[in-house]
PDB file of N, CA and C in Angstrom:
ATOM      1  N   MET A   1     -82.434-116.020-135.598  1.00  0.00           N
ATOM      2  CA  MET A   1     -81.188-115.687-136.266  1.00  0.00           C
ATOM      3  C   MET A   1     -80.592-114.440-135.625  1.00  0.00           C
ATOM      4  N   ALA A   2     -79.307-114.406-135.619  1.00  0.00           N
ATOM      5  CA  ALA A   2     -78.620-113.258-135.031  1.00  0.00           C
ATOM      6  C   ALA A   2     -78.792-112.028-135.909  1.00  0.00           C
ATOM      7  N   LEU A   3     -78.666-110.886-135.296  1.00  0.00           N
ATOM      8  CA  LEU A   3     -78.836-109.614-136.003  1.00  0.00           C
ATOM      9  C   LEU A   3     -77.881-109.497-137.192  1.00  0.00           C
ATOM     10  N   VAL A   4     -76.617-109.861-136.998  1.00  0.00           N
ATOM     11  CA  VAL A   4     -75.635-109.761-138.084  1.00  0.00           C
ATOM     12  C   VAL A   4     -76.041-110.658-139.259  1.00  0.00           C
ATOM     13  N   ALA A   5     -76.488-111.868-138.961  1.00  0.00           N
ATOM     14  CA  ALA A   5     -76.931-112.780-140.017  1.00  0.00           C
ATOM     15  C   ALA A   5     -78.115-112.185-140.769  1.00  0.00           C
ATOM     16  N   ASN A   6     -79.052-111.606-140.043  1.00  0.00           N
ATOM     17  CA  ASN A   6     -80.218-110.988-140.690  1.00  0.00           C
ATOM     18  C   ASN A   6     -79.825-109.811-141.569  1.00  0.00           C
ATOM     19  N   ILE A   7     -78.922-108.987-141.091  1.00  0.00           N
ATOM     20  CA  ILE A   7     -78.478-107.831-141.883  1.00  0.00           C
ATOM     21  C   ILE A   7     -77.790-108.297-143.161  1.00  0.00           C
ATOM     22  N   LEU A   8     -76.884-109.258-143.032  1.00  0.00           N
ATOM     23  CA  LEU A   8     -76.176-109.768-144.211  1.00  0.00           C
ATOM     24  C   LEU A   8     -77.122-110.471-145.178  1.00  0.00           C
ATOM     25  N   MET A   9     -78.045-111.242-144.634  1.00  0.00           N
ATOM     26  CA  MET A   9     -79.007-111.922-145.492  1.00  0.00           C
ATOM     27  C   MET A   9     -79.913-110.899-146.186  1.00  0.00           C
ATOM     28  N   GLY A  10     -80.279-109.838-145.488  1.00  0.00           N
ATOM     29  CA  GLY A  10     -81.063-108.772-146.106  1.00  0.00           C
ATOM     30  C   GLY A  10     -80.308-108.120-147.245  1.00  0.00           C
ATOM     31  N   LEU A  11     -79.007-107.927-147.066  1.00  0.00           N
ATOM     32  CA  LEU A  11     -78.174-107.370-148.123  1.00  0.00           C
ATOM     33  C   LEU A  11     -78.173-108.288-149.349  1.00  0.00           C
ATOM     34  N   VAL A  12     -78.014-109.575-149.124  1.00  0.00           N
ATOM     35  CA  VAL A  12     -78.037-110.537-150.232  1.00  0.00           C
ATOM     36  C   VAL A  12     -79.402-110.508-150.927  1.00  0.00           C
ATOM     37  N   LEU A  13     -80.459-110.418-150.151  1.00  0.00           N
ATOM     38  CA  LEU A  13     -81.807-110.329-150.719  1.00  0.00           C
ATOM     39  C   LEU A  13     -81.942-109.093-151.605  1.00  0.00           C
ATOM     40  N   ILE A  14     -81.502-107.955-151.114  1.00  0.00           N
ATOM     41  CA  ILE A  14     -81.582-106.706-151.891  1.00  0.00           C
ATOM     42  C   ILE A  14     -80.751-106.800-153.171  1.00  0.00           C
ATOM     43  N   ILE A  15     -79.560-107.355-153.061  1.00  0.00           N
ATOM     44  CA  ILE A  15     -78.698-107.534-154.240  1.00  0.00           C
ATOM     45  C   ILE A  15     -79.426-108.364-155.293  1.00  0.00           C
ATOM     46  N   HIS A  16     -80.080-109.440-154.861  1.00  0.00           N
ATOM     47  CA  HIS A  16     -80.718-110.328-155.829  1.00  0.00           C
ATOM     48  C   HIS A  16     -82.020-109.762-156.395  1.00  0.00           C
ATOM     49  N   VAL A  17     -82.697-108.948-155.648  1.00  0.00           N
ATOM     50  CA  VAL A  17     -83.859-108.252-156.221  1.00  0.00           C
ATOM     51  C   VAL A  17     -83.355-107.289-157.302  1.00  0.00           C
ATOM     52  N   TYR A  18     -82.275-106.596-157.011  1.00  0.00           N
ATOM     53  CA  TYR A  18     -81.690-105.672-157.993  1.00  0.00           C
ATOM     54  C   TYR A  18     -81.224-106.421-159.246  1.00  0.00           C
ATOM     55  N   ILE A  19     -80.524-107.541-159.054  1.00  0.00           N
ATOM     56  CA  ILE A  19     -80.070-108.338-160.203  1.00  0.00           C
ATOM     57  C   ILE A  19     -81.280-108.829-161.002  1.00  0.00           C
ATOM     58  N   PHE A  20     -82.314-109.298-160.306  1.00  0.00           N
ATOM     59  CA  PHE A  20     -83.542-109.733-160.980  1.00  0.00           C
ATOM     60  C   PHE A  20     -84.091-108.616-161.860  1.00  0.00           C
ATOM     61  N   LEU A  21     -84.177-107.417-161.305  1.00  0.00           N
ATOM     62  CA  LEU A  21     -84.707-106.284-162.065  1.00  0.00           C
ATOM     63  C   LEU A  21     -83.808-105.936-163.249  1.00  0.00           C
ATOM     64  N   LEU A  22     -82.489-105.937-163.044  1.00  0.00           N
ATOM     65  CA  LEU A  22     -81.556-105.630-164.129  1.00  0.00           C
ATOM     66  C   LEU A  22     -81.664-106.630-165.276  1.00  0.00           C
ATOM     67  N   GLU A  23     -81.868-107.886-164.936  1.00  0.00           N
ATOM     68  CA  GLU A  23     -81.870-108.931-165.962  1.00  0.00           C
ATOM     69  C   GLU A  23     -83.239-109.152-166.596  1.00  0.00           C
ATOM     70  N   THR A  24     -84.269-108.544-166.041  1.00  0.00           N
ATOM     71  CA  THR A  24     -85.616-108.737-166.604  1.00  0.00           C
ATOM     72  C   THR A  24     -86.177-107.403-167.090  1.00  0.00           C
ATOM     73  N   VAL A  25     -86.899-106.714-166.264  1.00  0.00           N
ATOM     74  CA  VAL A  25     -87.634-105.522-166.702  1.00  0.00           C
ATOM     75  C   VAL A  25     -86.744-104.344-167.076  1.00  0.00           C
ATOM     76  N   LEU A  26     -85.539-104.266-166.525  1.00  0.00           N
ATOM     77  CA  LEU A  26     -84.647-103.142-166.814  1.00  0.00           C
ATOM     78  C   LEU A  26     -83.500-103.514-167.758  1.00  0.00           C
ATOM     79  N   PHE A  27     -83.547-104.708-168.348  1.00  0.00           N
ATOM     80  CA  PHE A  27     -82.388-105.185-169.102  1.00  0.00           C
ATOM     81  C   PHE A  27     -82.046-104.310-170.300  1.00  0.00           C
ATOM     82  N   ARG A  28     -83.034-103.900-171.056  1.00  0.00           N
ATOM     83  CA  ARG A  28     -82.752-103.127-172.273  1.00  0.00           C
ATOM     84  C   ARG A  28     -82.360-101.678-171.978  1.00  0.00           C
ATOM     85  N   SER A  29     -82.508-101.242-170.758  1.00  0.00           N
ATOM     86  CA  SER A  29     -82.135 -99.867-170.407  1.00  0.00           C
ATOM     87  C   SER A  29     -80.968 -99.893-169.413  1.00  0.00           C
ATOM     88  N   ARG A  30     -81.262 -99.908-168.148  1.00  0.00           N
ATOM     89  CA  ARG A  30     -80.226 -99.882-167.101  1.00  0.00           C
ATOM     90  C   ARG A  30     -79.343-101.132-167.145  1.00  0.00           C
ATOM     91  N   GLY A  31     -79.950-102.289-167.354  1.00  0.00           N
ATOM     92  CA  GLY A  31     -79.183-103.537-167.391  1.00  0.00           C
ATOM     93  C   GLY A  31     -78.143-103.543-168.490  1.00  0.00           C
ATOM     94  N   ARG A  32     -78.518-103.032-169.643  1.00  0.00           N
ATOM     95  CA  ARG A  32     -77.574-102.963-170.768  1.00  0.00           C
ATOM     96  C   ARG A  32     -76.353-102.129-170.395  1.00  0.00           C
ATOM     97  N   LYS A  33     -76.565-101.041-169.684  1.00  0.00           N
ATOM     98  CA  LYS A  33     -75.453-100.175-169.272  1.00  0.00           C
ATOM     99  C   LYS A  33     -74.589-100.857-168.210  1.00  0.00           C
ATOM    100  N   VAL A  34     -75.237-101.479-167.228  1.00  0.00           N
ATOM    101  CA  VAL A  34     -74.493-102.152-166.155  1.00  0.00           C
ATOM    102  C   VAL A  34     -73.633-103.284-166.718  1.00  0.00           C
ATOM    103  N   PHE A  35     -74.193-104.040-167.663  1.00  0.00           N
ATOM    104  CA  PHE A  35     -73.461-105.173-168.240  1.00  0.00           C
ATOM    105  C   PHE A  35     -72.587-104.769-169.427  1.00  0.00           C
ATOM    106  N   ARG A  36     -72.566-103.469-169.723  1.00  0.00           N
ATOM    107  CA  ARG A  36     -71.719-102.909-170.783  1.00  0.00           C
ATOM    108  C   ARG A  36     -71.957-103.588-172.133  1.00  0.00           C
ATOM    109  N   LEU A  37     -73.209-103.589-172.553  1.00  0.00           N
ATOM    110  CA  LEU A  37     -73.591-104.220-173.817  1.00  0.00           C
ATOM    111  C   LEU A  37     -74.081-103.175-174.806  1.00  0.00           C
ATOM    112  N   SER A  38     -73.820-103.430-176.068  1.00  0.00           N
ATOM    113  CA  SER A  38     -74.393-102.571-177.098  1.00  0.00           C
ATOM    114  C   SER A  38     -75.890-102.878-177.204  1.00  0.00           C
ATOM    115  N   GLU A  39     -76.597-102.014-177.882  1.00  0.00           N
ATOM    116  CA  GLU A  39     -78.031-102.239-178.071  1.00  0.00           C
ATOM    117  C   GLU A  39     -78.279-103.550-178.822  1.00  0.00           C
ATOM    118  N   GLN A  40     -77.441-103.823-179.816  1.00  0.00           N
ATOM    119  CA  GLN A  40     -77.581-105.076-180.585  1.00  0.00           C
ATOM    120  C   GLN A  40     -77.314-106.295-179.704  1.00  0.00           C
ATOM    121  N   GLN A  41     -76.263-106.232-178.900  1.00  0.00           N
ATOM    122  CA  GLN A  41     -75.960-107.354-178.001  1.00  0.00           C
ATOM    123  C   GLN A  41     -77.106-107.575-177.024  1.00  0.00           C
ATOM    124  N   ALA A  42     -77.648-106.495-176.500  1.00  0.00           N
ATOM    125  CA  ALA A  42     -78.751-106.602-175.536  1.00  0.00           C
ATOM    126  C   ALA A  42     -79.966-107.265-176.169  1.00  0.00           C
ATOM    127  N   GLU A  43     -80.265-106.935-177.393  1.00  0.00           N
ATOM    128  CA  GLU A  43     -81.412-107.543-178.072  1.00  0.00           C
ATOM    129  C   GLU A  43     -81.220-109.044-178.237  1.00  0.00           C
ATOM    130  N   VAL A  44     -80.017-109.462-178.584  1.00  0.00           N
ATOM    131  CA  VAL A  44     -79.726-110.885-178.762  1.00  0.00           C
ATOM    132  C   VAL A  44     -79.790-111.623-177.425  1.00  0.00           C
ATOM    133  N   LEU A  45     -79.252-111.000-176.377  1.00  0.00           N
ATOM    134  CA  LEU A  45     -79.158-111.649-175.071  1.00  0.00           C
ATOM    135  C   LEU A  45     -80.417-111.527-174.209  1.00  0.00           C
ATOM    136  N   ALA A  46     -81.333-110.658-174.567  1.00  0.00           N
ATOM    137  CA  ALA A  46     -82.497-110.363-173.719  1.00  0.00           C
ATOM    138  C   ALA A  46     -83.274-111.607-173.279  1.00  0.00           C
ATOM    139  N   PRO A  47     -83.605-112.549-174.169  1.00  0.00           N
ATOM    140  CA  PRO A  47     -84.358-113.725-173.690  1.00  0.00           C
ATOM    141  C   PRO A  47     -83.591-114.555-172.661  1.00  0.00           C
ATOM    142  N   ALA A  48     -82.304-114.779-172.901  1.00  0.00           N
ATOM    143  CA  ALA A  48     -81.506-115.574-171.954  1.00  0.00           C
ATOM    144  C   ALA A  48     -81.334-114.834-170.636  1.00  0.00           C
ATOM    145  N   MET A  49     -81.125-113.533-170.699  1.00  0.00           N
ATOM    146  CA  MET A  49     -80.962-112.754-169.472  1.00  0.00           C
ATOM    147  C   MET A  49     -82.256-112.724-168.665  1.00  0.00           C
ATOM    148  N   SER A  50     -83.375-112.655-169.352  1.00  0.00           N
ATOM    149  CA  SER A  50     -84.655-112.675-168.648  1.00  0.00           C
ATOM    150  C   SER A  50     -84.837-113.987-167.902  1.00  0.00           C
ATOM    151  N   ASN A  51     -84.466-115.084-168.548  1.00  0.00           N
ATOM    152  CA  ASN A  51     -84.534-116.386-167.899  1.00  0.00           C
ATOM    153  C   ASN A  51     -83.610-116.429-166.694  1.00  0.00           C
ATOM    154  N   GLN A  52     -82.399-115.943-166.855  1.00  0.00           N
ATOM    155  CA  GLN A  52     -81.432-115.894-165.761  1.00  0.00           C
ATOM    156  C   GLN A  52     -81.945-115.012-164.627  1.00  0.00           C
ATOM    157  N   GLY A  53     -82.584-113.921-164.986  1.00  0.00           N
ATOM    158  CA  GLY A  53     -83.159-113.029-163.984  1.00  0.00           C
ATOM    159  C   GLY A  53     -84.212-113.720-163.141  1.00  0.00           C
ATOM    160  N   CYS A  54     -85.001-114.578-163.786  1.00  0.00           N
ATOM    161  CA  CYS A  54     -86.005-115.331-163.024  1.00  0.00           C
ATOM    162  C   CYS A  54     -85.339-116.185-161.946  1.00  0.00           C
ATOM    163  N   TYR A  55     -84.233-116.814-162.288  1.00  0.00           N
ATOM    164  CA  TYR A  55     -83.527-117.628-161.294  1.00  0.00           C
ATOM    165  C   TYR A  55     -83.034-116.766-160.128  1.00  0.00           C
ATOM    166  N   ASN A  56     -82.536-115.582-160.439  1.00  0.00           N
ATOM    167  CA  ASN A  56     -82.119-114.684-159.363  1.00  0.00           C
ATOM    168  C   ASN A  56     -83.311-114.239-158.530  1.00  0.00           C
ATOM    169  N   GLY A  57     -84.460-114.092-159.167  1.00  0.00           N
ATOM    170  CA  GLY A  57     -85.687-113.789-158.427  1.00  0.00           C
ATOM    171  C   GLY A  57     -86.078-114.921-157.495  1.00  0.00           C
ATOM    172  N   PHE A  58     -85.884-116.155-157.936  1.00  0.00           N
ATOM    173  CA  PHE A  58     -86.201-117.305-157.082  1.00  0.00           C
ATOM    174  C   PHE A  58     -85.269-117.364-155.873  1.00  0.00           C
ATOM    175  N   LEU A  59     -84.000-117.016-156.068  1.00  0.00           N
ATOM    176  CA  LEU A  59     -83.066-116.968-154.940  1.00  0.00           C
ATOM    177  C   LEU A  59     -83.515-115.916-153.929  1.00  0.00           C
ATOM    178  N   ALA A  60     -83.920-114.762-154.438  1.00  0.00           N
ATOM    179  CA  ALA A  60     -84.428-113.711-153.549  1.00  0.00           C
ATOM    180  C   ALA A  60     -85.690-114.180-152.830  1.00  0.00           C
ATOM    181  N   ALA A  61     -86.549-114.904-153.528  1.00  0.00           N
ATOM    182  CA  ALA A  61     -87.788-115.395-152.918  1.00  0.00           C
ATOM    183  C   ALA A  61     -87.505-116.351-151.764  1.00  0.00           C
ATOM    184  N   ALA A  62     -86.511-117.215-151.923  1.00  0.00           N
ATOM    185  CA  ALA A  62     -86.152-118.138-150.837  1.00  0.00           C
ATOM    186  C   ALA A  62     -85.719-117.359-149.600  1.00  0.00           C
ATOM    187  N   LEU A  63     -84.954-116.304-149.807  1.00  0.00           N
ATOM    188  CA  LEU A  63     -84.501-115.492-148.674  1.00  0.00           C
ATOM    189  C   LEU A  63     -85.651-114.708-148.059  1.00  0.00           C
ATOM    190  N   LEU A  64     -86.569-114.258-148.884  1.00  0.00           N
ATOM    191  CA  LEU A  64     -87.742-113.559-148.364  1.00  0.00           C
ATOM    192  C   LEU A  64     -88.593-114.490-147.496  1.00  0.00           C
ATOM    193  N   VAL A  65     -88.760-115.735-147.938  1.00  0.00           N
ATOM    194  CA  VAL A  65     -89.489-116.724-147.128  1.00  0.00           C
ATOM    195  C   VAL A  65     -88.779-116.921-145.795  1.00  0.00           C
ATOM    196  N   ALA A  66     -87.447-116.930-145.819  1.00  0.00           N
ATOM    197  CA  ALA A  66     -86.683-117.079-144.569  1.00  0.00           C
ATOM    198  C   ALA A  66     -87.000-115.953-143.590  1.00  0.00           C
ATOM    199  N   PHE A  67     -87.192-114.764-144.105  1.00  0.00           N
ATOM    200  CA  PHE A  67     -87.539-113.629-143.241  1.00  0.00           C
ATOM    201  C   PHE A  67     -88.981-113.679-142.752  1.00  0.00           C
ATOM    202  N   LEU A  68     -89.869-114.201-143.565  1.00  0.00           N
ATOM    203  CA  LEU A  68     -91.299-114.103-143.265  1.00  0.00           C
ATOM    204  C   LEU A  68     -91.926-115.328-142.610  1.00  0.00           C
ATOM    205  N   HIS A  69     -91.270-116.478-142.715  1.00  0.00           N
ATOM    206  CA  HIS A  69     -91.897-117.702-142.194  1.00  0.00           C
ATOM    207  C   HIS A  69     -91.988-117.667-140.667  1.00  0.00           C
ATOM    208  N   SER A  70     -93.111-118.085-140.164  1.00  0.00           N
ATOM    209  CA  SER A  70     -93.342-118.017-138.714  1.00  0.00           C
ATOM    210  C   SER A  70     -92.604-119.102-137.926  1.00  0.00           C
ATOM    211  N   ASP A  71     -92.294-120.212-138.557  1.00  0.00           N
ATOM    212  CA  ASP A  71     -91.582-121.288-137.864  1.00  0.00           C
ATOM    213  C   ASP A  71     -90.075-121.066-137.986  1.00  0.00           C
ATOM    214  N   PRO A  72     -89.359-120.898-136.863  1.00  0.00           N
ATOM    215  CA  PRO A  72     -87.918-120.618-136.928  1.00  0.00           C
ATOM    216  C   PRO A  72     -87.103-121.692-137.648  1.00  0.00           C
ATOM    217  N   GLY A  73     -87.471-122.943-137.474  1.00  0.00           N
ATOM    218  CA  GLY A  73     -86.742-124.023-138.137  1.00  0.00           C
ATOM    219  C   GLY A  73     -86.898-123.975-139.649  1.00  0.00           C
ATOM    220  N   THR A  74     -88.109-123.733-140.089  1.00  0.00           N
ATOM    221  CA  THR A  74     -88.368-123.627-141.526  1.00  0.00           C
ATOM    222  C   THR A  74     -87.696-122.380-142.092  1.00  0.00           C
ATOM    223  N   ALA A  75     -87.766-121.281-141.360  1.00  0.00           N
ATOM    224  CA  ALA A  75     -87.119-120.045-141.803  1.00  0.00           C
ATOM    225  C   ALA A  75     -85.620-120.260-141.957  1.00  0.00           C
ATOM    226  N   ARG A  76     -85.025-120.926-140.987  1.00  0.00           N
ATOM    227  CA  ARG A  76     -83.586-121.192-141.038  1.00  0.00           C
ATOM    228  C   ARG A  76     -83.239-122.100-142.221  1.00  0.00           C
ATOM    229  N   ALA A  77     -84.066-123.095-142.490  1.00  0.00           N
ATOM    230  CA  ALA A  77     -83.822-123.988-143.624  1.00  0.00           C
ATOM    231  C   ALA A  77     -83.865-123.212-144.943  1.00  0.00           C
ATOM    232  N   PHE A  78     -84.835-122.323-145.086  1.00  0.00           N
ATOM    233  CA  PHE A  78     -84.906-121.497-146.299  1.00  0.00           C
ATOM    234  C   PHE A  78     -83.687-120.587-146.398  1.00  0.00           C
ATOM    235  N   ALA A  79     -83.249-120.046-145.272  1.00  0.00           N
ATOM    236  CA  ALA A  79     -82.082-119.164-145.277  1.00  0.00           C
ATOM    237  C   ALA A  79     -80.828-119.923-145.707  1.00  0.00           C
ATOM    238  N   VAL A  80     -80.601-121.093-145.130  1.00  0.00           N
ATOM    239  CA  VAL A  80     -79.422-121.891-145.476  1.00  0.00           C
ATOM    240  C   VAL A  80     -79.486-122.304-146.950  1.00  0.00           C
ATOM    241  N   PHE A  81     -80.649-122.755-147.384  1.00  0.00           N
ATOM    242  CA  PHE A  81     -80.813-123.155-148.786  1.00  0.00           C
ATOM    243  C   PHE A  81     -80.576-121.971-149.720  1.00  0.00           C
ATOM    244  N   GLY A  82     -81.232-120.858-149.457  1.00  0.00           N
ATOM    245  CA  GLY A  82     -81.111-119.685-150.319  1.00  0.00           C
ATOM    246  C   GLY A  82     -79.696-119.159-150.385  1.00  0.00           C
ATOM    247  N   LEU A  83     -79.060-119.004-149.233  1.00  0.00           N
ATOM    248  CA  LEU A  83     -77.684-118.492-149.203  1.00  0.00           C
ATOM    249  C   LEU A  83     -76.705-119.473-149.850  1.00  0.00           C
ATOM    250  N   GLY A  84     -76.921-120.753-149.618  1.00  0.00           N
ATOM    251  CA  GLY A  84     -76.067-121.762-150.259  1.00  0.00           C
ATOM    252  C   GLY A  84     -76.193-121.718-151.776  1.00  0.00           C
ATOM    253  N   CYS A  85     -77.418-121.585-152.263  1.00  0.00           N
ATOM    254  CA  CYS A  85     -77.640-121.491-153.715  1.00  0.00           C
ATOM    255  C   CYS A  85     -77.007-120.230-154.292  1.00  0.00           C
ATOM    256  N   VAL A  86     -77.132-119.123-153.587  1.00  0.00           N
ATOM    257  CA  VAL A  86     -76.521-117.866-154.043  1.00  0.00           C
ATOM    258  C   VAL A  86     -74.999-118.028-154.121  1.00  0.00           C
ATOM    259  N   ALA A  87     -74.412-118.637-153.109  1.00  0.00           N
ATOM    260  CA  ALA A  87     -72.956-118.822-153.100  1.00  0.00           C
ATOM    261  C   ALA A  87     -72.505-119.693-154.274  1.00  0.00           C
ATOM    262  N   VAL A  88     -73.204-120.795-154.513  1.00  0.00           N
ATOM    263  CA  VAL A  88     -72.839-121.680-155.627  1.00  0.00           C
ATOM    264  C   VAL A  88     -73.052-120.977-156.966  1.00  0.00           C
ATOM    265  N   ALA A  89     -74.168-120.274-157.118  1.00  0.00           N
ATOM    266  CA  ALA A  89     -74.420-119.534-158.358  1.00  0.00           C
ATOM    267  C   ALA A  89     -73.341-118.475-158.583  1.00  0.00           C
ATOM    268  N   GLY A  90     -72.910-117.833-157.514  1.00  0.00           N
ATOM    269  CA  GLY A  90     -71.852-116.831-157.634  1.00  0.00           C
ATOM    270  C   GLY A  90     -70.529-117.438-158.053  1.00  0.00           C
ATOM    271  N   ILE A  91     -70.202-118.583-157.504  1.00  0.00           N
ATOM    272  CA  ILE A  91     -68.966-119.273-157.901  1.00  0.00           C
ATOM    273  C   ILE A  91     -69.029-119.646-159.372  1.00  0.00           C
ATOM    274  N   TRP A  92     -70.155-120.197-159.788  1.00  0.00           N
ATOM    275  CA  TRP A  92     -70.319-120.587-161.194  1.00  0.00           C
ATOM    276  C   TRP A  92     -70.246-119.348-162.100  1.00  0.00           C
ATOM    277  N   GLY A  93     -70.870-118.267-161.688  1.00  0.00           N
ATOM    278  CA  GLY A  93     -70.805-117.034-162.461  1.00  0.00           C
ATOM    279  C   GLY A  93     -69.387-116.497-162.567  1.00  0.00           C
ATOM    280  N   ALA A  94     -68.630-116.617-161.497  1.00  0.00           N
ATOM    281  CA  ALA A  94     -67.240-116.159-161.510  1.00  0.00           C
ATOM    282  C   ALA A  94     -66.383-117.001-162.450  1.00  0.00           C
ATOM    283  N   VAL A  95     -66.669-118.284-162.503  1.00  0.00           N
ATOM    284  CA  VAL A  95     -65.916-119.182-163.375  1.00  0.00           C
ATOM    285  C   VAL A  95     -66.299-118.972-164.842  1.00  0.00           C
ATOM    286  N   THR A  96     -67.573-118.762-165.107  1.00  0.00           N
ATOM    287  CA  THR A  96     -68.044-118.727-166.493  1.00  0.00           C
ATOM    288  C   THR A  96     -68.230-117.332-167.077  1.00  0.00           C
ATOM    289  N   VAL A  97     -68.380-116.309-166.231  1.00  0.00           N
ATOM    290  CA  VAL A  97     -68.679-114.973-166.749  1.00  0.00           C
ATOM    291  C   VAL A  97     -67.615-113.961-166.356  1.00  0.00           C
ATOM    292  N   GLN A  98     -67.490-113.702-165.048  1.00  0.00           N
ATOM    293  CA  GLN A  98     -66.579-112.653-164.594  1.00  0.00           C
ATOM    294  C   GLN A  98     -66.220-112.880-163.130  1.00  0.00           C
ATOM    295  N   ARG A  99     -64.949-112.772-162.811  1.00  0.00           N
ATOM    296  CA  ARG A  99     -64.479-113.006-161.444  1.00  0.00           C
ATOM    297  C   ARG A  99     -65.110-112.054-160.426  1.00  0.00           C
ATOM    298  N   ARG A 100     -65.447-110.864-160.864  1.00  0.00           N
ATOM    299  CA  ARG A 100     -66.033-109.852-159.972  1.00  0.00           C
ATOM    300  C   ARG A 100     -67.300-110.371-159.277  1.00  0.00           C
ATOM    301  N   ILE A 101     -67.949-111.338-159.876  1.00  0.00           N
ATOM    302  CA  ILE A 101     -69.169-111.907-159.292  1.00  0.00           C
ATOM    303  C   ILE A 101     -68.885-112.513-157.919  1.00  0.00           C
ATOM    304  N   LEU A 102     -67.662-112.989-157.718  1.00  0.00           N
ATOM    305  CA  LEU A 102     -67.295-113.528-156.395  1.00  0.00           C
ATOM    306  C   LEU A 102     -67.488-112.476-155.301  1.00  0.00           C
ATOM    307  N   LEU A 103     -67.121-111.236-155.601  1.00  0.00           N
ATOM    308  CA  LEU A 103     -67.246-110.169-154.603  1.00  0.00           C
ATOM    309  C   LEU A 103     -68.687-109.681-154.464  1.00  0.00           C
ATOM    310  N   ILE A 104     -69.392-109.611-155.562  1.00  0.00           N
ATOM    311  CA  ILE A 104     -70.746-109.052-155.556  1.00  0.00           C
ATOM    312  C   ILE A 104     -71.767-110.051-155.018  1.00  0.00           C
ATOM    313  N   GLN A 105     -71.622-111.313-155.382  1.00  0.00           N
ATOM    314  CA  GLN A 105     -72.648-112.303-155.069  1.00  0.00           C
ATOM    315  C   GLN A 105     -72.183-113.321-154.031  1.00  0.00           C
ATOM    316  N   THR A 106     -71.036-113.925-154.263  1.00  0.00           N
ATOM    317  CA  THR A 106     -70.608-115.039-153.407  1.00  0.00           C
ATOM    318  C   THR A 106     -70.182-114.578-152.017  1.00  0.00           C
ATOM    319  N   LEU A 107     -69.341-113.570-151.937  1.00  0.00           N
ATOM    320  CA  LEU A 107     -68.819-113.134-150.637  1.00  0.00           C
ATOM    321  C   LEU A 107     -69.930-112.739-149.659  1.00  0.00           C
ATOM    322  N   PRO A 108     -70.897-111.893-150.063  1.00  0.00           N
ATOM    323  CA  PRO A 108     -71.966-111.563-149.114  1.00  0.00           C
ATOM    324  C   PRO A 108     -72.767-112.793-148.676  1.00  0.00           C
ATOM    325  N   ALA A 109     -72.999-113.718-149.600  1.00  0.00           N
ATOM    326  CA  ALA A 109     -73.762-114.920-149.257  1.00  0.00           C
ATOM    327  C   ALA A 109     -72.993-115.806-148.283  1.00  0.00           C
ATOM    328  N   VAL A 110     -71.710-115.972-148.513  1.00  0.00           N
ATOM    329  CA  VAL A 110     -70.885-116.798-147.624  1.00  0.00           C
ATOM    330  C   VAL A 110     -70.782-116.158-146.239  1.00  0.00           C
ATOM    331  N   LEU A 111     -70.612-114.847-146.192  1.00  0.00           N
ATOM    332  CA  LEU A 111     -70.561-114.162-144.889  1.00  0.00           C
ATOM    333  C   LEU A 111     -71.900-114.313-144.149  1.00  0.00           C
ATOM    334  N   ALA A 112     -72.997-114.157-144.860  1.00  0.00           N
ATOM    335  CA  ALA A 112     -74.317-114.308-144.238  1.00  0.00           C
ATOM    336  C   ALA A 112     -74.516-115.750-143.761  1.00  0.00           C
ATOM    337  N   LEU A 113     -74.112-116.701-144.574  1.00  0.00           N
ATOM    338  CA  LEU A 113     -74.253-118.113-144.196  1.00  0.00           C
ATOM    339  C   LEU A 113     -73.400-118.425-142.984  1.00  0.00           C
ATOM    340  N   ALA A 114     -72.183-117.925-142.937  1.00  0.00           N
ATOM    341  CA  ALA A 114     -71.319-118.146-141.772  1.00  0.00           C
ATOM    342  C   ALA A 114     -71.925-117.521-140.522  1.00  0.00           C
ATOM    343  N   ALA A 115     -72.447-116.309-140.650  1.00  0.00           N
ATOM    344  CA  ALA A 115     -73.087-115.653-139.488  1.00  0.00           C
ATOM    345  C   ALA A 115     -74.308-116.426-139.042  1.00  0.00           C
ATOM    346  N   LEU A 116     -75.078-116.905-140.005  1.00  0.00           N
ATOM    347  CA  LEU A 116     -76.278-117.690-139.678  1.00  0.00           C
ATOM    348  C   LEU A 116     -75.927-118.994-138.967  1.00  0.00           C
ATOM    349  N   LEU A 117     -74.971-119.700-139.513  1.00  0.00           N
ATOM    350  CA  LEU A 117     -74.593-120.982-138.917  1.00  0.00           C
ATOM    351  C   LEU A 117     -73.891-120.802-137.574  1.00  0.00           C
ATOM    352  N   GLY A 118     -73.261-119.655-137.386  1.00  0.00           N
ATOM    353  CA  GLY A 118     -72.613-119.362-136.116  1.00  0.00           C
ATOM    354  C   GLY A 118     -73.569-118.850-135.053  1.00  0.00           C
ATOM    355  N   ALA A 119     -74.758-118.463-135.467  1.00  0.00           N
ATOM    356  CA  ALA A 119     -75.747-117.916-134.523  1.00  0.00           C
ATOM    357  C   ALA A 119     -76.445-119.038-133.770  1.00  0.00           C
ATOM    358  N   GLN A 120     -76.886-118.724-132.571  1.00  0.00           N
ATOM    359  CA  GLN A 120     -77.654-119.691-131.781  1.00  0.00           C
ATOM    360  C   GLN A 120     -79.042-119.823-132.401  1.00  0.00           C
ATOM    361  N   VAL A 121     -79.578-121.026-132.351  1.00  0.00           N
ATOM    362  CA  VAL A 121     -80.916-121.281-132.908  1.00  0.00           C
ATOM    363  C   VAL A 121     -81.972-120.672-132.035  1.00  0.00           C
TER     364      VAL A 121
END
């Protein structure tokens, strides 16, 4: 993979590790502040957010496998799959939750995917 694709994919990976942490272990503290929720709202939403956080963790895991797998073809497949899933999840989040998700989640994933697909194998 080209350097630019790796840098962008690394950024997407870091974003999703952060989102995973915000939606799971940090939800009642830092996550509540980031998502602008009252303490009562956070308590009600905590189980669903934890579940959602797991999905974001799985997206990060796919990208991590792309970085670590020894076979370039398999690594590339994980990268395309992971970035594609992040882009679709971001679009869905923008439609159902907040448009800002397009900039935070979808745009970096699409840029990384474009760089990856444009790179020589």
